[in-house]
């Protein structure tokens, strides 16, 4: 997650490779949801923008709690851009994406 002129951009990553404090998150998860499994869905390789500086952005988030938004902005301020995934030149794009996502899920499970 990082700042952009219109707000913030995010990149999904393999679990544990991003900015989220997953150790504390899962300690809390375990306490609040004992015995509940964790499902991993890798959707990494692309970036998404959250243009919160544009008024139309807030139509989808009319009741955003101030504290949550402040935390979101603080994370963006600390982050650095992550380039989206691009398949290596000369490789079949679909097969390259499969190999990339396999690596993401393997690192997430590890």
PDB file of N, CA and C in Angstrom:
ATOM      1  N   UNK A   1       0.844  -1.151   0.000  1.00  0.00           N
ATOM      2  CA  UNK A   1       0.000   0.000   0.000  1.00  0.00           C
ATOM      3  C   UNK A   1       0.901   1.228   0.000  1.00  0.00           C
ATOM      4  N   UNK A   2       0.566   2.221  -0.819  1.00  0.00           N
ATOM      5  CA  UNK A   2       1.383   3.426  -0.912  1.00  0.00           C
ATOM      6  C   UNK A   2       0.512   4.588  -1.373  1.00  0.00           C
ATOM      7  N   UNK A   3       1.032   5.783  -1.155  1.00  0.00           N
ATOM      8  CA  UNK A   3       0.311   6.980  -1.560  1.00  0.00           C
ATOM      9  C   UNK A   3       0.446   7.218  -3.062  1.00  0.00           C
ATOM     10  N   UNK A   4      -0.626   7.734  -3.646  1.00  0.00           N
ATOM     11  CA  UNK A   4      -0.641   8.198  -5.034  1.00  0.00           C
ATOM     12  C   UNK A   4      -1.285   9.578  -5.011  1.00  0.00           C
ATOM     13  N   UNK A   5      -1.175  10.363  -6.081  1.00  0.00           N
ATOM     14  CA  UNK A   5      -1.739  11.718  -6.050  1.00  0.00           C
ATOM     15  C   UNK A   5      -3.222  11.787  -5.666  1.00  0.00           C
ATOM     16  N   UNK A   6      -4.030  10.809  -6.084  1.00  0.00           N
ATOM     17  CA  UNK A   6      -5.470  10.840  -5.792  1.00  0.00           C
ATOM     18  C   UNK A   6      -5.863  10.091  -4.528  1.00  0.00           C
ATOM     19  N   UNK A   7      -4.909   9.511  -3.806  1.00  0.00           N
ATOM     20  CA  UNK A   7      -5.242   8.773  -2.585  1.00  0.00           C
ATOM     21  C   UNK A   7      -4.210   7.724  -2.253  1.00  0.00           C
ATOM     22  N   UNK A   8      -4.571   6.456  -2.486  1.00  0.00           N
ATOM     23  CA  UNK A   8      -3.659   5.350  -2.180  1.00  0.00           C
ATOM     24  C   UNK A   8      -3.848   4.240  -3.205  1.00  0.00           C
ATOM     25  N   UNK A   9      -2.815   3.436  -3.355  1.00  0.00           N
ATOM     26  CA  UNK A   9      -2.874   2.247  -4.195  1.00  0.00           C
ATOM     27  C   UNK A   9      -2.460   1.068  -3.335  1.00  0.00           C
ATOM     28  N   UNK A  10      -3.014  -0.087  -3.660  1.00  0.00           N
ATOM     29  CA  UNK A  10      -2.684  -1.293  -2.921  1.00  0.00           C
ATOM     30  C   UNK A  10      -2.304  -2.402  -3.892  1.00  0.00           C
ATOM     31  N   UNK A  11      -1.504  -3.318  -3.405  1.00  0.00           N
ATOM     32  CA  UNK A  11      -1.142  -4.510  -4.167  1.00  0.00           C
ATOM     33  C   UNK A  11      -1.332  -5.698  -3.245  1.00  0.00           C
ATOM     34  N   UNK A  12      -2.076  -6.685  -3.700  1.00  0.00           N
ATOM     35  CA  UNK A  12      -2.195  -7.910  -2.929  1.00  0.00           C
ATOM     36  C   UNK A  12      -0.878  -8.665  -3.070  1.00  0.00           C
ATOM     37  N   UNK A  13      -0.466  -9.314  -2.003  1.00  0.00           N
ATOM     38  CA  UNK A  13       0.797 -10.053  -1.994  1.00  0.00           C
ATOM     39  C   UNK A  13       0.568 -11.438  -1.385  1.00  0.00           C
ATOM     40  N   UNK A  14       1.590 -12.247  -1.454  1.00  0.00           N
ATOM     41  CA  UNK A  14       1.551 -13.501  -0.705  1.00  0.00           C
ATOM     42  C   UNK A  14       1.442 -13.143   0.778  1.00  0.00           C
ATOM     43  N   UNK A  15       0.737 -13.973   1.540  1.00  0.00           N
ATOM     44  CA  UNK A  15       0.571 -13.674   2.967  1.00  0.00           C
ATOM     45  C   UNK A  15       1.926 -13.550   3.643  1.00  0.00           C
ATOM     46  N   UNK A  16       2.055 -12.499   4.431  1.00  0.00           N
ATOM     47  CA  UNK A  16       3.285 -12.254   5.163  1.00  0.00           C
ATOM     48  C   UNK A  16       4.282 -11.376   4.435  1.00  0.00           C
ATOM     49  N   UNK A  17       4.036 -11.067   3.170  1.00  0.00           N
ATOM     50  CA  UNK A  17       4.972 -10.246   2.408  1.00  0.00           C
ATOM     51  C   UNK A  17       4.529  -8.786   2.304  1.00  0.00           C
ATOM     52  N   UNK A  18       3.381  -8.479   2.842  1.00  0.00           N
ATOM     53  CA  UNK A  18       2.878  -7.110   2.757  1.00  0.00           C
ATOM     54  C   UNK A  18       3.087  -6.351   4.052  1.00  0.00           C
ATOM     55  N   UNK A  19       2.301  -5.313   4.230  1.00  0.00           N
ATOM     56  CA  UNK A  19       2.436  -4.439   5.386  1.00  0.00           C
ATOM     57  C   UNK A  19       1.597  -4.858   6.587  1.00  0.00           C
ATOM     58  N   UNK A  20       0.676  -5.783   6.392  1.00  0.00           N
ATOM     59  CA  UNK A  20      -0.216  -6.159   7.482  1.00  0.00           C
ATOM     60  C   UNK A  20       0.539  -6.979   8.528  1.00  0.00           C
ATOM     61  N   UNK A  21       0.239  -6.718   9.795  1.00  0.00           N
ATOM     62  CA  UNK A  21       0.858  -7.436  10.909  1.00  0.00           C
ATOM     63  C   UNK A  21       0.083  -8.739  11.107  1.00  0.00           C
ATOM     64  N   UNK A  22       0.400  -9.742  10.282  1.00  0.00           N
ATOM     65  CA  UNK A  22      -0.372 -10.975  10.313  1.00  0.00           C
ATOM     66  C   UNK A  22      -0.165 -11.772  11.585  1.00  0.00           C
ATOM     67  N   UNK A  23       0.977 -11.658  12.225  1.00  0.00           N
ATOM     68  CA  UNK A  23       1.197 -12.387  13.477  1.00  0.00           C
ATOM     69  C   UNK A  23       0.154 -11.946  14.513  1.00  0.00           C
ATOM     70  N   UNK A  24       0.001 -10.642  14.700  1.00  0.00           N
ATOM     71  CA  UNK A  24      -0.984 -10.152  15.665  1.00  0.00           C
ATOM     72  C   UNK A  24      -2.409 -10.396  15.186  1.00  0.00           C
ATOM     73  N   UNK A  25      -2.639 -10.264  13.885  1.00  0.00           N
ATOM     74  CA  UNK A  25      -3.974 -10.506  13.346  1.00  0.00           C
ATOM     75  C   UNK A  25      -4.429 -11.931  13.668  1.00  0.00           C
ATOM     76  N   UNK A  26      -3.567 -12.910  13.408  1.00  0.00           N
ATOM     77  CA  UNK A  26      -3.969 -14.293  13.623  1.00  0.00           C
ATOM     78  C   UNK A  26      -3.999 -14.671  15.097  1.00  0.00           C
ATOM     79  N   UNK A  27      -3.252 -13.995  15.930  1.00  0.00           N
ATOM     80  CA  UNK A  27      -3.390 -14.220  17.370  1.00  0.00           C
ATOM     81  C   UNK A  27      -4.784 -13.772  17.816  1.00  0.00           C
ATOM     82  N   UNK A  28      -5.221 -12.608  17.326  1.00  0.00           N
ATOM     83  CA  UNK A  28      -6.563 -12.119  17.634  1.00  0.00           C
ATOM     84  C   UNK A  28      -7.623 -13.026  17.021  1.00  0.00           C
ATOM     85  N   UNK A  29      -7.422 -13.421  15.774  1.00  0.00           N
ATOM     86  CA  UNK A  29      -8.353 -14.317  15.079  1.00  0.00           C
ATOM     87  C   UNK A  29      -8.532 -15.609  15.874  1.00  0.00           C
ATOM     88  N   UNK A  30      -7.436 -16.190  16.332  1.00  0.00           N
ATOM     89  CA  UNK A  30      -7.488 -17.438  17.088  1.00  0.00           C
ATOM     90  C   UNK A  30      -8.258 -17.256  18.392  1.00  0.00           C
ATOM     91  N   UNK A  31      -8.069 -16.104  19.031  1.00  0.00           N
ATOM     92  CA  UNK A  31      -8.769 -15.845  20.290  1.00  0.00           C
ATOM     93  C   UNK A  31     -10.267 -15.638  20.056  1.00  0.00           C
ATOM     94  N   UNK A  32     -10.607 -14.900  18.994  1.00  0.00           N
ATOM     95  CA  UNK A  32     -12.013 -14.589  18.734  1.00  0.00           C
ATOM     96  C   UNK A  32     -12.755 -15.696  17.995  1.00  0.00           C
ATOM     97  N   UNK A  33     -12.020 -16.506  17.239  1.00  0.00           N
ATOM     98  CA  UNK A  33     -12.639 -17.548  16.404  1.00  0.00           C
ATOM     99  C   UNK A  33     -11.934 -18.883  16.605  1.00  0.00           C
ATOM    100  N   UNK A  34     -11.920 -19.406  17.818  1.00  0.00           N
ATOM    101  CA  UNK A  34     -11.178 -20.653  18.051  1.00  0.00           C
ATOM    102  C   UNK A  34     -11.709 -21.796  17.184  1.00  0.00           C
ATOM    103  N   UNK A  35     -10.778 -22.523  16.595  1.00  0.00           N
ATOM    104  CA  UNK A  35     -11.132 -23.676  15.791  1.00  0.00           C
ATOM    105  C   UNK A  35     -11.620 -23.367  14.385  1.00  0.00           C
ATOM    106  N   UNK A  36     -11.664 -22.097  14.021  1.00  0.00           N
ATOM    107  CA  UNK A  36     -12.131 -21.718  12.683  1.00  0.00           C
ATOM    108  C   UNK A  36     -10.932 -21.744  11.732  1.00  0.00           C
ATOM    109  N   UNK A  37     -11.051 -22.438  10.604  1.00  0.00           N
ATOM    110  CA  UNK A  37      -9.910 -22.500   9.678  1.00  0.00           C
ATOM    111  C   UNK A  37      -9.709 -21.182   8.944  1.00  0.00           C
ATOM    112  N   UNK A  38      -8.518 -21.020   8.434  1.00  0.00           N
ATOM    113  CA  UNK A  38      -8.171 -19.863   7.609  1.00  0.00           C
ATOM    114  C   UNK A  38      -8.135 -20.328   6.169  1.00  0.00           C
ATOM    115  N   UNK A  39      -8.772 -19.580   5.307  1.00  0.00           N
ATOM    116  CA  UNK A  39      -8.776 -19.887   3.878  1.00  0.00           C
ATOM    117  C   UNK A  39      -7.881 -18.879   3.175  1.00  0.00           C
ATOM    118  N   UNK A  40      -6.990 -19.356   2.344  1.00  0.00           N
ATOM    119  CA  UNK A  40      -6.088 -18.479   1.609  1.00  0.00           C
ATOM    120  C   UNK A  40      -6.559 -18.405   0.168  1.00  0.00           C
ATOM    121  N   UNK A  41      -6.771 -17.195  -0.291  1.00  0.00           N
ATOM    122  CA  UNK A  41      -7.127 -16.959  -1.692  1.00  0.00           C
ATOM    123  C   UNK A  41      -6.111 -15.985  -2.253  1.00  0.00           C
ATOM    124  N   UNK A  42      -5.287 -16.430  -3.154  1.00  0.00           N
ATOM    125  CA  UNK A  42      -4.303 -15.518  -3.735  1.00  0.00           C
ATOM    126  C   UNK A  42      -4.930 -14.806  -4.926  1.00  0.00           C
ATOM    127  N   UNK A  43      -4.846 -13.507  -4.875  1.00  0.00           N
ATOM    128  CA  UNK A  43      -5.352 -12.669  -5.969  1.00  0.00           C
ATOM    129  C   UNK A  43      -4.306 -11.617  -6.302  1.00  0.00           C
ATOM    130  N   UNK A  44      -3.055 -11.932  -6.079  1.00  0.00           N
ATOM    131  CA  UNK A  44      -1.992 -10.954  -6.250  1.00  0.00           C
ATOM    132  C   UNK A  44      -1.575 -10.816  -7.704  1.00  0.00           C
ATOM    133  N   UNK A  45      -0.758  -9.802  -7.934  1.00  0.00           N
ATOM    134  CA  UNK A  45      -0.228  -9.568  -9.274  1.00  0.00           C
ATOM    135  C   UNK A  45      -0.740  -8.300  -9.919  1.00  0.00           C
ATOM    136  N   UNK A  46      -1.670  -7.619  -9.264  1.00  0.00           N
ATOM    137  CA  UNK A  46      -2.215  -6.380  -9.820  1.00  0.00           C
ATOM    138  C   UNK A  46      -2.332  -5.342  -8.708  1.00  0.00           C
ATOM    139  N   UNK A  47      -2.508  -4.110  -9.087  1.00  0.00           N
ATOM    140  CA  UNK A  47      -2.685  -3.018  -8.132  1.00  0.00           C
ATOM    141  C   UNK A  47      -4.096  -2.458  -8.257  1.00  0.00           C
ATOM    142  N   UNK A  48      -4.581  -1.908  -7.166  1.00  0.00           N
ATOM    143  CA  UNK A  48      -5.891  -1.268  -7.172  1.00  0.00           C
ATOM    144  C   UNK A  48      -5.760   0.094  -6.511  1.00  0.00           C
ATOM    145  N   UNK A  49      -6.357   1.078  -7.128  1.00  0.00           N
ATOM    146  CA  UNK A  49      -6.311   2.437  -6.585  1.00  0.00           C
ATOM    147  C   UNK A  49      -7.555   2.734  -5.761  1.00  0.00           C
ATOM    148  N   UNK A  50      -7.350   3.482  -4.696  1.00  0.00           N
ATOM    149  CA  UNK A  50      -8.429   3.998  -3.856  1.00  0.00           C
ATOM    150  C   UNK A  50      -8.317   5.527  -3.899  1.00  0.00           C
ATOM    151  N   UNK A  51      -8.968   6.161  -4.872  1.00  0.00           N
ATOM    152  CA  UNK A  51      -8.815   7.608  -5.065  1.00  0.00           C
ATOM    153  C   UNK A  51      -9.662   8.431  -4.086  1.00  0.00           C
ATOM    154  N   UNK A  52      -9.310   8.368  -2.812  1.00  0.00           N
ATOM    155  CA  UNK A  52     -10.129   9.026  -1.797  1.00  0.00           C
ATOM    156  C   UNK A  52     -10.053  10.550  -1.819  1.00  0.00           C
ATOM    157  N   UNK A  53      -9.168  11.106  -2.611  1.00  0.00           N
ATOM    158  CA  UNK A  53      -9.120  12.564  -2.758  1.00  0.00           C
ATOM    159  C   UNK A  53     -10.217  13.063  -3.706  1.00  0.00           C
ATOM    160  N   UNK A  54     -10.841  12.161  -4.434  1.00  0.00           N
ATOM    161  CA  UNK A  54     -11.923  12.522  -5.348  1.00  0.00           C
ATOM    162  C   UNK A  54     -13.261  12.360  -4.625  1.00  0.00           C
ATOM    163  N   UNK A  55     -14.110  13.378  -4.654  1.00  0.00           N
ATOM    164  CA  UNK A  55     -15.387  13.311  -3.921  1.00  0.00           C
ATOM    165  C   UNK A  55     -16.247  12.105  -4.286  1.00  0.00           C
ATOM    166  N   UNK A  56     -16.234  11.673  -5.542  1.00  0.00           N
ATOM    167  CA  UNK A  56     -17.085  10.554  -5.947  1.00  0.00           C
ATOM    168  C   UNK A  56     -16.688   9.242  -5.272  1.00  0.00           C
ATOM    169  N   UNK A  57     -15.453   9.142  -4.813  1.00  0.00           N
ATOM    170  CA  UNK A  57     -15.005   7.941  -4.109  1.00  0.00           C
ATOM    171  C   UNK A  57     -15.869   7.681  -2.876  1.00  0.00           C
ATOM    172  N   UNK A  58     -16.248   8.747  -2.190  1.00  0.00           N
ATOM    173  CA  UNK A  58     -16.934   8.630  -0.910  1.00  0.00           C
ATOM    174  C   UNK A  58     -18.392   8.191  -1.032  1.00  0.00           C
ATOM    175  N   UNK A  59     -18.924   8.128  -2.249  1.00  0.00           N
ATOM    176  CA  UNK A  59     -20.290   7.617  -2.428  1.00  0.00           C
ATOM    177  C   UNK A  59     -20.388   6.164  -1.965  1.00  0.00           C
ATOM    178  N   UNK A  60     -19.321   5.408  -2.152  1.00  0.00           N
ATOM    179  CA  UNK A  60     -19.303   4.007  -1.732  1.00  0.00           C
ATOM    180  C   UNK A  60     -18.960   3.842  -0.252  1.00  0.00           C
ATOM    181  N   UNK A  61     -18.443   4.884   0.388  1.00  0.00           N
ATOM    182  CA  UNK A  61     -17.982   4.801   1.780  1.00  0.00           C
ATOM    183  C   UNK A  61     -18.557   5.953   2.617  1.00  0.00           C
ATOM    184  N   UNK A  62     -19.870   6.147   2.636  1.00  0.00           N
ATOM    185  CA  UNK A  62     -20.428   7.325   3.316  1.00  0.00           C
ATOM    186  C   UNK A  62     -20.251   7.321   4.835  1.00  0.00           C
ATOM    187  N   UNK A  63     -20.060   6.167   5.433  1.00  0.00           N
ATOM    188  CA  UNK A  63     -19.972   6.083   6.898  1.00  0.00           C
ATOM    189  C   UNK A  63     -18.619   5.557   7.372  1.00  0.00           C
ATOM    190  N   UNK A  64     -17.564   5.875   6.645  1.00  0.00           N
ATOM    191  CA  UNK A  64     -16.229   5.396   7.007  1.00  0.00           C
ATOM    192  C   UNK A  64     -15.846   5.953   8.384  1.00  0.00           C
ATOM    193  N   UNK A  65     -15.555   5.086   9.347  1.00  0.00           N
ATOM    194  CA  UNK A  65     -15.106   5.572  10.659  1.00  0.00           C
ATOM    195  C   UNK A  65     -13.784   6.333  10.533  1.00  0.00           C
ATOM    196  N   UNK A  66     -13.711   7.468  11.170  1.00  0.00           N
ATOM    197  CA  UNK A  66     -12.525   8.327  11.072  1.00  0.00           C
ATOM    198  C   UNK A  66     -11.247   7.614  11.484  1.00  0.00           C
ATOM    199  N   UNK A  67     -11.322   6.852  12.555  1.00  0.00           N
ATOM    200  CA  UNK A  67     -10.126   6.157  13.052  1.00  0.00           C
ATOM    201  C   UNK A  67      -9.641   5.109  12.048  1.00  0.00           C
ATOM    202  N   UNK A  68     -10.546   4.389  11.430  1.00  0.00           N
ATOM    203  CA  UNK A  68     -10.163   3.376  10.442  1.00  0.00           C
ATOM    204  C   UNK A  68      -9.514   4.035   9.234  1.00  0.00           C
ATOM    205  N   UNK A  69     -10.074   5.154   8.783  1.00  0.00           N
ATOM    206  CA  UNK A  69      -9.498   5.852   7.639  1.00  0.00           C
ATOM    207  C   UNK A  69      -8.124   6.422   7.979  1.00  0.00           C
ATOM    208  N   UNK A  70      -7.958   6.935   9.176  1.00  0.00           N
ATOM    209  CA  UNK A  70      -6.648   7.448   9.601  1.00  0.00           C
ATOM    210  C   UNK A  70      -5.610   6.326   9.588  1.00  0.00           C
ATOM    211  N   UNK A  71      -6.006   5.136  10.029  1.00  0.00           N
ATOM    212  CA  UNK A  71      -5.090   3.990  10.012  1.00  0.00           C
ATOM    213  C   UNK A  71      -4.730   3.615   8.574  1.00  0.00           C
ATOM    214  N   UNK A  72      -5.719   3.618   7.696  1.00  0.00           N
ATOM    215  CA  UNK A  72      -5.504   3.321   6.279  1.00  0.00           C
ATOM    216  C   UNK A  72      -4.493   4.296   5.674  1.00  0.00           C
ATOM    217  N   UNK A  73      -4.676   5.588   5.926  1.00  0.00           N
ATOM    218  CA  UNK A  73      -3.761   6.608   5.389  1.00  0.00           C
ATOM    219  C   UNK A  73      -2.363   6.463   5.969  1.00  0.00           C
ATOM    220  N   UNK A  74      -2.260   6.119   7.241  1.00  0.00           N
ATOM    221  CA  UNK A  74      -0.943   5.939   7.861  1.00  0.00           C
ATOM    222  C   UNK A  74      -0.196   4.769   7.218  1.00  0.00           C
ATOM    223  N   UNK A  75      -0.909   3.683   6.917  1.00  0.00           N
ATOM    224  CA  UNK A  75      -0.270   2.556   6.230  1.00  0.00           C
ATOM    225  C   UNK A  75       0.219   2.977   4.849  1.00  0.00           C
ATOM    226  N   UNK A  76      -0.596   3.739   4.128  1.00  0.00           N
ATOM    227  CA  UNK A  76      -0.218   4.187   2.787  1.00  0.00           C
ATOM    228  C   UNK A  76       1.021   5.074   2.842  1.00  0.00           C
ATOM    229  N   UNK A  77       1.100   5.916   3.838  1.00  0.00           N
ATOM    230  CA  UNK A  77       2.240   6.831   3.967  1.00  0.00           C
ATOM    231  C   UNK A  77       3.548   6.062   4.150  1.00  0.00           C
ATOM    232  N   UNK A  78       3.493   4.901   4.809  1.00  0.00           N
ATOM    233  CA  UNK A  78       4.697   4.102   5.072  1.00  0.00           C
ATOM    234  C   UNK A  78       5.100   3.200   3.908  1.00  0.00           C
ATOM    235  N   UNK A  79       4.194   2.993   2.964  1.00  0.00           N
ATOM    236  CA  UNK A  79       4.437   2.002   1.929  1.00  0.00           C
ATOM    237  C   UNK A  79       5.241   2.487   0.748  1.00  0.00           C
ATOM    238  N   UNK A  80       5.624   1.546  -0.063  1.00  0.00           N
ATOM    239  CA  UNK A  80       6.326   1.837  -1.309  1.00  0.00           C
ATOM    240  C   UNK A  80       5.625   1.107  -2.449  1.00  0.00           C
ATOM    241  N   UNK A  81       5.638   1.666  -3.651  1.00  0.00           N
ATOM    242  CA  UNK A  81       4.938   1.045  -4.778  1.00  0.00           C
ATOM    243  C   UNK A  81       5.436  -0.368  -5.084  1.00  0.00           C
ATOM    244  N   UNK A  82       4.492  -1.205  -5.476  1.00  0.00           N
ATOM    245  CA  UNK A  82       4.780  -2.581  -5.889  1.00  0.00           C
ATOM    246  C   UNK A  82       4.363  -2.688  -7.352  1.00  0.00           C
ATOM    247  N   UNK A  83       5.290  -3.027  -8.234  1.00  0.00           N
ATOM    248  CA  UNK A  83       4.897  -3.142  -9.642  1.00  0.00           C
ATOM    249  C   UNK A  83       3.969  -4.341  -9.852  1.00  0.00           C
ATOM    250  N   UNK A  84       2.994  -4.218 -10.739  1.00  0.00           N
ATOM    251  CA  UNK A  84       2.136  -5.371 -11.020  1.00  0.00           C
ATOM    252  C   UNK A  84       2.926  -6.469 -11.720  1.00  0.00           C
ATOM    253  N   UNK A  85       2.411  -7.673 -11.633  1.00  0.00           N
ATOM    254  CA  UNK A  85       3.057  -8.812 -12.276  1.00  0.00           C
ATOM    255  C   UNK A  85       2.947  -8.678 -13.788  1.00  0.00           C
ATOM    256  N   UNK A  86       4.034  -8.969 -14.460  1.00  0.00           N
ATOM    257  CA  UNK A  86       4.019  -9.078 -15.920  1.00  0.00           C
ATOM    258  C   UNK A  86       4.727 -10.376 -16.284  1.00  0.00           C
ATOM    259  N   UNK A  87       4.164 -11.145 -17.190  1.00  0.00           N
ATOM    260  CA  UNK A  87       4.805 -12.411 -17.557  1.00  0.00           C
ATOM    261  C   UNK A  87       6.143 -12.172 -18.241  1.00  0.00           C
ATOM    262  N   UNK A  88       7.101 -13.049 -18.010  1.00  0.00           N
ATOM    263  CA  UNK A  88       8.396 -12.914 -18.676  1.00  0.00           C
ATOM    264  C   UNK A  88       8.229 -12.962 -20.198  1.00  0.00           C
ATOM    265  N   UNK A  89       9.047 -12.194 -20.878  1.00  0.00           N
ATOM    266  CA  UNK A  89       9.006 -12.162 -22.347  1.00  0.00           C
ATOM    267  C   UNK A  89       9.223 -13.563 -22.908  1.00  0.00           C
ATOM    268  N   UNK A  90       8.435 -13.899 -23.896  1.00  0.00           N
ATOM    269  CA  UNK A  90       8.593 -15.171 -24.583  1.00  0.00           C
ATOM    270  C   UNK A  90       7.860 -16.338 -23.948  1.00  0.00           C
ATOM    271  N   UNK A  91       7.255 -16.115 -22.772  1.00  0.00           N
ATOM    272  CA  UNK A  91       6.517 -17.203 -22.125  1.00  0.00           C
ATOM    273  C   UNK A  91       5.026 -17.070 -22.424  1.00  0.00           C
ATOM    274  N   UNK A  92       4.343 -18.193 -22.433  1.00  0.00           N
ATOM    275  CA  UNK A  92       2.899 -18.185 -22.574  1.00  0.00           C
ATOM    276  C   UNK A  92       2.310 -17.436 -21.376  1.00  0.00           C
ATOM    277  N   UNK A  93       1.575 -16.347 -21.600  1.00  0.00           N
ATOM    278  CA  UNK A  93       1.070 -15.540 -20.482  1.00  0.00           C
ATOM    279  C   UNK A  93       0.209 -16.328 -19.485  1.00  0.00           C
ATOM    280  N   UNK A  94      -0.647 -17.207 -19.979  1.00  0.00           N
ATOM    281  CA  UNK A  94      -1.511 -17.976 -19.080  1.00  0.00           C
ATOM    282  C   UNK A  94      -0.689 -18.919 -18.209  1.00  0.00           C
ATOM    283  N   UNK A  95       0.255 -19.621 -18.807  1.00  0.00           N
ATOM    284  CA  UNK A  95       1.100 -20.551 -18.044  1.00  0.00           C
ATOM    285  C   UNK A  95       1.992 -19.780 -17.055  1.00  0.00           C
ATOM    286  N   UNK A  96       2.523 -18.652 -17.487  1.00  0.00           N
ATOM    287  CA  UNK A  96       3.357 -17.832 -16.603  1.00  0.00           C
ATOM    288  C   UNK A  96       2.547 -17.354 -15.401  1.00  0.00           C
ATOM    289  N   UNK A  97       1.297 -16.968 -15.610  1.00  0.00           N
ATOM    290  CA  UNK A  97       0.422 -16.533 -14.512  1.00  0.00           C
ATOM    291  C   UNK A  97       0.174 -17.697 -13.551  1.00  0.00           C
ATOM    292  N   UNK A  98      -0.024 -18.885 -14.072  1.00  0.00           N
ATOM    293  CA  UNK A  98      -0.237 -20.054 -13.216  1.00  0.00           C
ATOM    294  C   UNK A  98       0.988 -20.315 -12.335  1.00  0.00           C
ATOM    295  N   UNK A  99       2.158 -20.225 -12.921  1.00  0.00           N
ATOM    296  CA  UNK A  99       3.398 -20.441 -12.168  1.00  0.00           C
ATOM    297  C   UNK A  99       3.562 -19.358 -11.103  1.00  0.00           C
ATOM    298  N   UNK A 100       3.271 -18.121 -11.472  1.00  0.00           N
ATOM    299  CA  UNK A 100       3.357 -17.000 -10.527  1.00  0.00           C
ATOM    300  C   UNK A 100       2.404 -17.222  -9.347  1.00  0.00           C
ATOM    301  N   UNK A 101       1.152 -17.567  -9.632  1.00  0.00           N
ATOM    302  CA  UNK A 101       0.172 -17.754  -8.562  1.00  0.00           C
ATOM    303  C   UNK A 101       0.513 -18.968  -7.691  1.00  0.00           C
ATOM    304  N   UNK A 102       1.083 -20.009  -8.287  1.00  0.00           N
ATOM    305  CA  UNK A 102       1.521 -21.155  -7.492  1.00  0.00           C
ATOM    306  C   UNK A 102       2.579 -20.720  -6.478  1.00  0.00           C
ATOM    307  N   UNK A 103       3.518 -19.901  -6.906  1.00  0.00           N
ATOM    308  CA  UNK A 103       4.518 -19.374  -5.979  1.00  0.00           C
ATOM    309  C   UNK A 103       3.893 -18.533  -4.880  1.00  0.00           C
ATOM    310  N   UNK A 104       2.875 -17.758  -5.215  1.00  0.00           N
ATOM    311  CA  UNK A 104       2.186 -16.929  -4.218  1.00  0.00           C
ATOM    312  C   UNK A 104       1.520 -17.803  -3.147  1.00  0.00           C
ATOM    313  N   UNK A 105       0.831 -18.845  -3.576  1.00  0.00           N
ATOM    314  CA  UNK A 105       0.136 -19.699  -2.604  1.00  0.00           C
ATOM    315  C   UNK A 105       1.136 -20.499  -1.776  1.00  0.00           C
ATOM    316  N   UNK A 106       2.217 -20.962  -2.389  1.00  0.00           N
ATOM    317  CA  UNK A 106       3.231 -21.707  -1.629  1.00  0.00           C
ATOM    318  C   UNK A 106       3.859 -20.838  -0.555  1.00  0.00           C
ATOM    319  N   UNK A 107       4.208 -19.597  -0.902  1.00  0.00           N
ATOM    320  CA  UNK A 107       4.792 -18.693   0.101  1.00  0.00           C
ATOM    321  C   UNK A 107       3.771 -18.310   1.163  1.00  0.00           C
ATOM    322  N   UNK A 108       2.512 -18.181   0.794  1.00  0.00           N
ATOM    323  CA  UNK A 108       1.464 -17.845   1.750  1.00  0.00           C
ATOM    324  C   UNK A 108       1.288 -18.965   2.780  1.00  0.00           C
ATOM    325  N   UNK A 109       1.294 -20.198   2.317  1.00  0.00           N
ATOM    326  CA  UNK A 109       1.135 -21.330   3.236  1.00  0.00           C
ATOM    327  C   UNK A 109       2.349 -21.462   4.145  1.00  0.00           C
ATOM    328  N   UNK A 110       3.512 -21.247   3.578  1.00  0.00           N
ATOM    329  CA  UNK A 110       4.748 -21.348   4.364  1.00  0.00           C
ATOM    330  C   UNK A 110       4.728 -20.343   5.499  1.00  0.00           C
TER     331      UNK A 110
END
